[in-house]
Amino acid sequence: MSHELAAGRVWKYGDGVDTDLLAPGTYMKSSMEDLASHCLEAIDPAFAGQVKNGDILVAGKNFGIGSSREQAAEVLRMLGVTAVIAKSFGGIFYRNAFNLGLYALVSNDVDRIEKDHKVAIDPLTGRIINETTGDRLACEQVPEHLAAIVTAGGLIPHLEEKLRKTL
């Protein structure tokens, strides 16, 4: 079964994008919509206002390091981001991403992707196609059980679906 997603426009960042950049602590008591409107504003004030459904975030090492706040992944989904491709992830962010319906793909080929490129991903086979350059890139394959969680829209909808099937 192919899980290839429609191509998304790339937003590109470097190493060490932490959870406070994604979900700034100053706005944590605000609504999720307000929190999302401040996502990445410290490094890219245009991001939250210009990101579109299906866009893909590409970064370097240690994406999502920092606190365990699940809102860091949640605001990306709320803004329409389909996947984050990075050289490495903070462990808690990595799991939160899948639990909230966001692909987190580990790839050493991120240097071959630039801002505004269009990429398509197939998480189950570990393929990334840079449609702008024609490059075929690799990422770690996502296990089927994690892809099923993302496809369902997150862990809660996935579990609800499984429960409905057993009743």
N, C-alpha and C. Protein backbone atom coordinates (compact mmCIF):
# COMPACT_ATOMS: atom_id res chain seq x y z
N MET A 1 0.85 -1.18 0.00
CA MET A 1 0.00 0.00 0.00
C MET A 1 0.89 1.24 0.00
N SER A 2 0.71 2.13 -0.93
CA SER A 2 1.51 3.35 -1.00
C SER A 2 0.89 4.45 -0.15
N HIS A 3 1.72 5.14 0.56
CA HIS A 3 1.28 6.28 1.35
C HIS A 3 1.85 7.56 0.79
N GLU A 4 2.16 7.54 -0.51
CA GLU A 4 2.74 8.73 -1.11
C GLU A 4 1.77 9.89 -0.98
N LEU A 5 2.29 10.99 -0.55
CA LEU A 5 1.46 12.17 -0.32
C LEU A 5 1.63 13.14 -1.47
N ALA A 6 0.64 13.98 -1.64
CA ALA A 6 0.76 15.02 -2.65
C ALA A 6 1.99 15.86 -2.33
N ALA A 7 2.59 16.39 -3.35
CA ALA A 7 3.79 17.21 -3.15
C ALA A 7 3.45 18.43 -2.33
N GLY A 8 4.38 18.81 -1.48
CA GLY A 8 4.21 20.00 -0.66
C GLY A 8 5.36 20.95 -0.86
N ARG A 9 5.09 22.22 -0.63
CA ARG A 9 6.12 23.26 -0.69
C ARG A 9 6.97 23.18 0.57
N VAL A 10 8.25 23.39 0.42
CA VAL A 10 9.21 23.26 1.51
C VAL A 10 9.46 24.59 2.22
N TRP A 11 9.47 24.50 3.53
CA TRP A 11 9.97 25.55 4.42
C TRP A 11 11.25 24.98 5.02
N LYS A 12 12.36 25.69 4.94
CA LYS A 12 13.65 25.11 5.34
C LYS A 12 14.28 25.88 6.49
N TYR A 13 14.74 25.12 7.48
CA TYR A 13 15.39 25.70 8.66
C TYR A 13 16.62 24.87 9.00
N GLY A 14 17.42 25.35 9.91
CA GLY A 14 18.69 24.71 10.25
C GLY A 14 18.58 23.76 11.43
N ASP A 15 19.68 23.65 12.15
CA ASP A 15 19.78 22.76 13.31
C ASP A 15 19.12 23.39 14.54
N GLY A 16 18.72 22.53 15.47
CA GLY A 16 18.30 22.98 16.79
C GLY A 16 17.00 23.75 16.87
N VAL A 17 16.06 23.51 15.96
CA VAL A 17 14.74 24.15 16.07
C VAL A 17 14.05 23.48 17.25
N ASP A 18 13.92 24.24 18.35
CA ASP A 18 13.40 23.63 19.57
C ASP A 18 11.90 23.88 19.75
N THR A 19 11.35 23.23 20.77
CA THR A 19 9.91 23.31 21.00
C THR A 19 9.47 24.72 21.37
N ASP A 20 10.35 25.52 21.95
CA ASP A 20 9.97 26.90 22.30
C ASP A 20 9.85 27.76 21.05
N LEU A 21 10.57 27.45 19.99
CA LEU A 21 10.40 28.16 18.72
C LEU A 21 9.09 27.76 18.06
N LEU A 22 8.72 26.50 18.20
CA LEU A 22 7.49 25.99 17.58
C LEU A 22 6.24 26.42 18.35
N ALA A 23 6.30 26.36 19.65
CA ALA A 23 5.17 26.72 20.52
C ALA A 23 5.71 27.59 21.64
N PRO A 24 5.89 28.90 21.38
CA PRO A 24 6.53 29.79 22.34
C PRO A 24 5.84 29.78 23.71
N GLY A 25 6.65 29.62 24.76
CA GLY A 25 6.14 29.55 26.11
C GLY A 25 5.28 30.73 26.51
N THR A 26 5.57 31.90 25.98
CA THR A 26 4.81 33.12 26.29
C THR A 26 3.34 32.96 25.95
N TYR A 27 3.03 32.12 24.96
CA TYR A 27 1.64 31.98 24.47
C TYR A 27 1.00 30.65 24.87
N MET A 28 1.64 29.90 25.75
CA MET A 28 1.14 28.56 26.09
C MET A 28 -0.23 28.58 26.76
N LYS A 29 -0.58 29.65 27.43
CA LYS A 29 -1.90 29.72 28.08
C LYS A 29 -2.96 30.29 27.15
N SER A 30 -2.56 30.66 25.94
CA SER A 30 -3.50 31.18 24.93
C SER A 30 -4.22 30.02 24.26
N SER A 31 -5.14 30.34 23.37
CA SER A 31 -5.81 29.30 22.58
C SER A 31 -4.80 28.65 21.64
N MET A 32 -5.12 27.46 21.17
CA MET A 32 -4.24 26.79 20.20
C MET A 32 -4.10 27.62 18.94
N GLU A 33 -5.15 28.29 18.52
CA GLU A 33 -5.09 29.12 17.31
C GLU A 33 -4.09 30.26 17.51
N ASP A 34 -4.12 30.89 18.68
CA ASP A 34 -3.19 31.98 18.97
C ASP A 34 -1.76 31.44 19.05
N LEU A 35 -1.59 30.33 19.73
CA LEU A 35 -0.27 29.71 19.84
C LEU A 35 0.28 29.39 18.44
N ALA A 36 -0.55 28.81 17.59
CA ALA A 36 -0.13 28.47 16.23
C ALA A 36 0.28 29.71 15.44
N SER A 37 -0.37 30.82 15.69
CA SER A 37 -0.05 32.06 14.95
C SER A 37 1.33 32.59 15.29
N HIS A 38 1.95 32.07 16.35
CA HIS A 38 3.29 32.49 16.76
C HIS A 38 4.35 31.43 16.47
N CYS A 39 3.95 30.34 15.82
CA CYS A 39 4.88 29.25 15.50
C CYS A 39 6.03 29.76 14.65
N LEU A 40 7.23 29.54 15.11
CA LEU A 40 8.50 29.87 14.43
C LEU A 40 8.72 31.37 14.21
N GLU A 41 7.92 32.23 14.85
CA GLU A 41 8.05 33.66 14.59
C GLU A 41 9.42 34.21 14.95
N ALA A 42 10.12 33.60 15.90
CA ALA A 42 11.44 34.10 16.30
C ALA A 42 12.49 33.91 15.22
N ILE A 43 12.28 32.94 14.32
CA ILE A 43 13.25 32.71 13.24
C ILE A 43 12.68 32.97 11.85
N ASP A 44 11.34 33.00 11.74
CA ASP A 44 10.69 33.26 10.46
C ASP A 44 9.30 33.85 10.70
N PRO A 45 9.23 35.19 10.85
CA PRO A 45 7.94 35.81 11.16
C PRO A 45 6.85 35.54 10.12
N ALA A 46 7.20 35.18 8.90
CA ALA A 46 6.21 34.94 7.85
C ALA A 46 5.60 33.54 7.91
N PHE A 47 6.24 32.60 8.59
CA PHE A 47 5.84 31.20 8.52
C PHE A 47 4.37 30.97 8.84
N ALA A 48 3.92 31.33 10.03
CA ALA A 48 2.56 30.99 10.47
C ALA A 48 1.49 31.61 9.58
N GLY A 49 1.76 32.75 9.01
CA GLY A 49 0.77 33.40 8.17
C GLY A 49 0.77 32.94 6.73
N GLN A 50 1.86 32.28 6.30
CA GLN A 50 1.98 31.91 4.89
C GLN A 50 2.02 30.41 4.62
N VAL A 51 2.24 29.60 5.65
CA VAL A 51 2.27 28.15 5.46
C VAL A 51 0.88 27.69 5.01
N LYS A 52 0.87 26.68 4.13
CA LYS A 52 -0.40 26.19 3.57
C LYS A 52 -0.55 24.70 3.82
N ASN A 53 -1.78 24.22 3.73
CA ASN A 53 -2.04 22.79 3.87
C ASN A 53 -1.18 22.00 2.90
N GLY A 54 -0.53 20.97 3.41
CA GLY A 54 0.30 20.11 2.57
C GLY A 54 1.76 20.52 2.54
N ASP A 55 2.10 21.68 3.08
CA ASP A 55 3.50 22.11 3.09
C ASP A 55 4.33 21.17 3.97
N ILE A 56 5.63 21.16 3.70
CA ILE A 56 6.55 20.27 4.39
C ILE A 56 7.68 21.09 4.97
N LEU A 57 8.02 20.82 6.22
CA LEU A 57 9.10 21.53 6.89
C LEU A 57 10.34 20.66 6.82
N VAL A 58 11.47 21.26 6.44
CA VAL A 58 12.74 20.55 6.34
C VAL A 58 13.73 21.25 7.27
N ALA A 59 14.49 20.46 8.03
CA ALA A 59 15.42 21.05 8.99
C ALA A 59 16.64 20.16 9.14
N GLY A 60 17.58 20.63 9.95
CA GLY A 60 18.83 19.91 10.19
C GLY A 60 18.72 18.94 11.35
N LYS A 61 19.68 19.04 12.26
CA LYS A 61 19.76 18.12 13.40
C LYS A 61 18.91 18.61 14.56
N ASN A 62 18.46 17.68 15.36
CA ASN A 62 17.79 17.95 16.64
C ASN A 62 16.52 18.77 16.51
N PHE A 63 15.70 18.49 15.52
CA PHE A 63 14.43 19.20 15.39
C PHE A 63 13.52 18.79 16.55
N GLY A 64 12.92 19.78 17.20
CA GLY A 64 11.97 19.51 18.28
C GLY A 64 12.62 19.18 19.62
N ILE A 65 13.89 19.56 19.80
CA ILE A 65 14.50 19.35 21.11
C ILE A 65 13.88 20.33 22.10
N GLY A 66 14.09 20.08 23.36
CA GLY A 66 13.58 20.98 24.38
C GLY A 66 12.51 20.32 25.21
N SER A 67 11.54 21.10 25.62
CA SER A 67 10.51 20.59 26.53
C SER A 67 9.64 19.54 25.84
N SER A 68 8.85 18.86 26.65
CA SER A 68 8.02 17.78 26.13
C SER A 68 6.67 18.27 25.61
N ARG A 69 6.50 19.58 25.45
CA ARG A 69 5.18 20.11 25.07
C ARG A 69 4.70 19.55 23.73
N GLU A 70 3.58 18.86 23.79
CA GLU A 70 3.02 18.27 22.57
C GLU A 70 2.47 19.34 21.64
N GLN A 71 2.24 20.53 22.15
CA GLN A 71 1.73 21.62 21.31
C GLN A 71 2.69 21.95 20.17
N ALA A 72 3.97 21.64 20.33
CA ALA A 72 4.96 21.92 19.28
C ALA A 72 4.61 21.17 17.99
N ALA A 73 4.19 19.94 18.10
CA ALA A 73 3.75 19.18 16.92
C ALA A 73 2.33 19.56 16.54
N GLU A 74 1.50 19.82 17.54
CA GLU A 74 0.09 20.12 17.28
C GLU A 74 -0.08 21.40 16.46
N VAL A 75 0.71 22.43 16.75
CA VAL A 75 0.56 23.68 15.99
C VAL A 75 0.98 23.49 14.53
N LEU A 76 1.98 22.65 14.28
CA LEU A 76 2.37 22.38 12.90
C LEU A 76 1.22 21.73 12.14
N ARG A 77 0.57 20.74 12.74
CA ARG A 77 -0.59 20.10 12.09
C ARG A 77 -1.72 21.11 11.90
N MET A 78 -1.96 21.93 12.91
CA MET A 78 -3.03 22.92 12.84
C MET A 78 -2.78 23.89 11.68
N LEU A 79 -1.52 24.21 11.41
CA LEU A 79 -1.16 25.12 10.33
C LEU A 79 -1.15 24.43 8.97
N GLY A 80 -1.31 23.10 8.94
CA GLY A 80 -1.40 22.38 7.68
C GLY A 80 -0.16 21.63 7.25
N VAL A 81 0.90 21.66 8.07
CA VAL A 81 2.13 20.95 7.72
C VAL A 81 1.85 19.45 7.70
N THR A 82 2.30 18.79 6.64
CA THR A 82 2.08 17.35 6.47
C THR A 82 3.19 16.52 7.08
N ALA A 83 4.41 17.04 6.99
CA ALA A 83 5.57 16.27 7.46
C ALA A 83 6.71 17.20 7.81
N VAL A 84 7.56 16.71 8.69
CA VAL A 84 8.84 17.35 8.98
C VAL A 84 9.91 16.34 8.57
N ILE A 85 10.85 16.81 7.76
CA ILE A 85 11.99 15.99 7.36
C ILE A 85 13.21 16.62 7.99
N ALA A 86 13.95 15.87 8.77
CA ALA A 86 15.13 16.41 9.46
C ALA A 86 16.20 15.34 9.59
N LYS A 87 17.43 15.79 9.86
CA LYS A 87 18.53 14.84 10.06
C LYS A 87 18.33 14.04 11.34
N SER A 88 17.76 14.68 12.37
CA SER A 88 17.45 13.99 13.62
C SER A 88 16.40 14.80 14.38
N PHE A 89 15.76 14.13 15.34
CA PHE A 89 14.67 14.73 16.10
C PHE A 89 14.91 14.56 17.59
N GLY A 90 14.34 15.48 18.38
CA GLY A 90 14.22 15.24 19.80
C GLY A 90 13.27 14.07 19.97
N GLY A 91 13.59 13.15 20.88
CA GLY A 91 12.82 11.92 21.01
C GLY A 91 11.36 12.14 21.34
N ILE A 92 11.06 13.04 22.25
CA ILE A 92 9.66 13.26 22.64
C ILE A 92 8.90 13.91 21.50
N PHE A 93 9.51 14.88 20.81
CA PHE A 93 8.83 15.50 19.67
C PHE A 93 8.53 14.45 18.61
N TYR A 94 9.49 13.57 18.34
CA TYR A 94 9.32 12.54 17.31
C TYR A 94 8.05 11.73 17.58
N ARG A 95 7.89 11.26 18.81
CA ARG A 95 6.71 10.45 19.12
C ARG A 95 5.44 11.30 19.14
N ASN A 96 5.53 12.51 19.68
CA ASN A 96 4.36 13.40 19.69
C ASN A 96 3.88 13.67 18.27
N ALA A 97 4.81 13.82 17.33
CA ALA A 97 4.44 14.11 15.95
C ALA A 97 3.52 13.02 15.41
N PHE A 98 3.93 11.78 15.52
CA PHE A 98 3.10 10.67 15.03
C PHE A 98 1.77 10.60 15.78
N ASN A 99 1.84 10.78 17.11
CA ASN A 99 0.61 10.71 17.91
C ASN A 99 -0.39 11.79 17.51
N LEU A 100 0.08 12.89 16.95
CA LEU A 100 -0.80 13.99 16.55
C LEU A 100 -1.04 14.03 15.04
N GLY A 101 -0.59 12.99 14.32
CA GLY A 101 -0.90 12.89 12.89
C GLY A 101 0.07 13.62 11.97
N LEU A 102 1.31 13.76 12.40
CA LEU A 102 2.34 14.45 11.63
C LEU A 102 3.50 13.51 11.36
N TYR A 103 3.87 13.35 10.09
CA TYR A 103 5.04 12.53 9.77
C TYR A 103 6.32 13.23 10.22
N ALA A 104 7.21 12.47 10.84
CA ALA A 104 8.55 12.93 11.20
C ALA A 104 9.52 11.98 10.50
N LEU A 105 10.17 12.47 9.46
CA LEU A 105 11.02 11.62 8.62
C LEU A 105 12.48 11.97 8.82
N VAL A 106 13.28 10.97 9.14
CA VAL A 106 14.71 11.15 9.34
C VAL A 106 15.42 10.94 8.01
N SER A 107 16.20 11.96 7.59
CA SER A 107 16.91 11.87 6.33
C SER A 107 18.23 12.62 6.40
N ASN A 108 19.28 12.00 5.91
CA ASN A 108 20.57 12.67 5.80
C ASN A 108 20.67 13.49 4.52
N ASP A 109 19.63 13.46 3.68
CA ASP A 109 19.65 14.15 2.39
C ASP A 109 19.02 15.54 2.42
N VAL A 110 18.74 16.08 3.62
CA VAL A 110 18.03 17.36 3.69
C VAL A 110 18.82 18.51 3.04
N ASP A 111 20.13 18.37 2.95
CA ASP A 111 20.93 19.43 2.32
C ASP A 111 20.66 19.54 0.83
N ARG A 112 19.99 18.54 0.26
CA ARG A 112 19.65 18.55 -1.17
C ARG A 112 18.24 19.09 -1.43
N ILE A 113 17.64 19.66 -0.39
CA ILE A 113 16.30 20.25 -0.49
C ILE A 113 16.41 21.70 -0.05
N GLU A 114 15.83 22.60 -0.80
CA GLU A 114 15.88 24.03 -0.48
C GLU A 114 14.48 24.59 -0.25
N LYS A 115 14.44 25.74 0.38
CA LYS A 115 13.17 26.45 0.60
C LYS A 115 12.46 26.64 -0.74
N ASP A 116 11.16 26.46 -0.71
CA ASP A 116 10.26 26.60 -1.87
C ASP A 116 10.36 25.49 -2.90
N HIS A 117 11.26 24.50 -2.69
CA HIS A 117 11.21 23.31 -3.54
C HIS A 117 9.89 22.62 -3.27
N LYS A 118 9.49 21.74 -4.19
CA LYS A 118 8.33 20.89 -3.96
C LYS A 118 8.85 19.46 -3.81
N VAL A 119 8.38 18.80 -2.75
CA VAL A 119 8.78 17.42 -2.53
C VAL A 119 7.55 16.55 -2.30
N ALA A 120 7.68 15.29 -2.69
CA ALA A 120 6.67 14.28 -2.41
C ALA A 120 7.35 13.21 -1.56
N ILE A 121 6.58 12.64 -0.65
CA ILE A 121 7.16 11.64 0.25
C ILE A 121 6.36 10.35 0.18
N ASP A 122 7.06 9.25 0.37
CA ASP A 122 6.43 7.95 0.57
C ASP A 122 7.07 7.35 1.81
N PRO A 123 6.47 7.63 2.98
CA PRO A 123 7.08 7.23 4.24
C PRO A 123 7.30 5.72 4.39
N LEU A 124 6.42 4.91 3.84
CA LEU A 124 6.55 3.46 4.00
C LEU A 124 7.74 2.89 3.25
N THR A 125 8.09 3.49 2.13
CA THR A 125 9.23 2.99 1.36
C THR A 125 10.50 3.79 1.63
N GLY A 126 10.37 4.89 2.36
CA GLY A 126 11.55 5.71 2.66
C GLY A 126 12.02 6.52 1.47
N ARG A 127 11.08 6.95 0.63
CA ARG A 127 11.44 7.74 -0.55
C ARG A 127 10.97 9.18 -0.41
N ILE A 128 11.83 10.08 -0.83
CA ILE A 128 11.48 11.49 -0.98
C ILE A 128 11.85 11.85 -2.41
N ILE A 129 10.93 12.48 -3.11
CA ILE A 129 11.22 12.94 -4.46
C ILE A 129 11.19 14.45 -4.45
N ASN A 130 12.34 15.04 -4.78
CA ASN A 130 12.40 16.49 -4.91
C ASN A 130 11.91 16.80 -6.32
N GLU A 131 10.65 17.20 -6.42
CA GLU A 131 10.05 17.43 -7.73
C GLU A 131 10.64 18.66 -8.43
N THR A 132 11.27 19.54 -7.69
CA THR A 132 11.89 20.73 -8.28
C THR A 132 13.16 20.37 -9.01
N THR A 133 13.97 19.48 -8.42
CA THR A 133 15.27 19.13 -9.02
C THR A 133 15.26 17.77 -9.70
N GLY A 134 14.25 16.94 -9.41
CA GLY A 134 14.21 15.58 -9.92
C GLY A 134 14.99 14.59 -9.08
N ASP A 135 15.65 15.05 -8.01
CA ASP A 135 16.42 14.15 -7.15
C ASP A 135 15.53 13.17 -6.42
N ARG A 136 16.02 11.96 -6.30
CA ARG A 136 15.37 10.95 -5.47
C ARG A 136 16.22 10.83 -4.21
N LEU A 137 15.59 11.07 -3.08
CA LEU A 137 16.30 11.10 -1.81
C LEU A 137 15.78 9.99 -0.91
N ALA A 138 16.50 9.72 0.15
CA ALA A 138 16.12 8.65 1.06
C ALA A 138 15.79 9.20 2.44
N CYS A 139 14.89 8.49 3.11
CA CYS A 139 14.63 8.74 4.52
C CYS A 139 14.41 7.39 5.18
N GLU A 140 14.45 7.38 6.51
CA GLU A 140 14.15 6.13 7.20
C GLU A 140 12.70 5.75 6.93
N GLN A 141 12.47 4.48 6.70
CA GLN A 141 11.11 4.00 6.47
C GLN A 141 10.30 4.12 7.76
N VAL A 142 9.05 4.52 7.61
CA VAL A 142 8.14 4.62 8.75
C VAL A 142 7.43 3.28 8.89
N PRO A 143 7.47 2.69 10.07
CA PRO A 143 6.76 1.42 10.27
C PRO A 143 5.26 1.58 9.99
N GLU A 144 4.65 0.51 9.50
CA GLU A 144 3.24 0.56 9.13
C GLU A 144 2.34 1.00 10.27
N HIS A 145 2.64 0.59 11.49
CA HIS A 145 1.76 0.97 12.60
C HIS A 145 1.80 2.48 12.87
N LEU A 146 2.95 3.12 12.65
CA LEU A 146 3.02 4.58 12.82
C LEU A 146 2.36 5.29 11.65
N ALA A 147 2.52 4.77 10.44
CA ALA A 147 1.85 5.36 9.27
C ALA A 147 0.34 5.28 9.44
N ALA A 148 -0.15 4.19 10.02
CA ALA A 148 -1.59 4.04 10.24
C ALA A 148 -2.11 5.09 11.21
N ILE A 149 -1.31 5.43 12.21
CA ILE A 149 -1.70 6.47 13.17
C ILE A 149 -1.81 7.81 12.45
N VAL A 150 -0.82 8.14 11.61
CA VAL A 150 -0.85 9.41 10.87
C VAL A 150 -2.04 9.44 9.92
N THR A 151 -2.25 8.36 9.20
CA THR A 151 -3.35 8.28 8.23
C THR A 151 -4.70 8.51 8.92
N ALA A 152 -4.84 8.03 10.15
CA ALA A 152 -6.09 8.19 10.89
C ALA A 152 -6.26 9.61 11.44
N GLY A 153 -5.18 10.39 11.42
CA GLY A 153 -5.25 11.75 11.95
C GLY A 153 -4.69 11.89 13.34
N GLY A 154 -4.03 10.85 13.83
CA GLY A 154 -3.42 10.87 15.16
C GLY A 154 -3.80 9.64 15.95
N LEU A 155 -3.19 9.52 17.13
CA LEU A 155 -3.39 8.33 17.95
C LEU A 155 -4.83 8.18 18.43
N ILE A 156 -5.44 9.25 18.90
CA ILE A 156 -6.81 9.15 19.41
C ILE A 156 -7.78 8.71 18.31
N PRO A 157 -7.78 9.38 17.13
CA PRO A 157 -8.68 8.89 16.07
C PRO A 157 -8.36 7.44 15.65
N HIS A 158 -7.08 7.08 15.66
CA HIS A 158 -6.67 5.72 15.31
C HIS A 158 -7.27 4.70 16.29
N LEU A 159 -7.15 5.01 17.59
CA LEU A 159 -7.69 4.10 18.60
C LEU A 159 -9.22 4.04 18.54
N GLU A 160 -9.86 5.19 18.30
CA GLU A 160 -11.31 5.20 18.16
C GLU A 160 -11.76 4.34 16.98
N GLU A 161 -11.01 4.43 15.89
CA GLU A 161 -11.32 3.60 14.71
C GLU A 161 -11.18 2.11 15.03
N LYS A 162 -10.12 1.75 15.73
CA LYS A 162 -9.92 0.36 16.11
C LYS A 162 -11.03 -0.12 17.05
N LEU A 163 -11.43 0.74 17.95
CA LEU A 163 -12.48 0.38 18.89
C LEU A 163 -13.81 0.16 18.17
N ARG A 164 -14.13 1.04 17.22
CA ARG A 164 -15.36 0.90 16.44
C ARG A 164 -15.40 -0.44 15.70
N LYS A 165 -14.25 -0.86 15.21
CA LYS A 165 -14.18 -2.13 14.46
C LYS A 165 -14.40 -3.34 15.36
N THR A 166 -14.11 -3.20 16.65
CA THR A 166 -14.26 -4.33 17.56
C THR A 166 -15.66 -4.41 18.17
N LEU A 167 -16.43 -3.35 18.03
CA LEU A 167 -17.79 -3.34 18.62
C LEU A 167 -18.81 -3.91 17.68
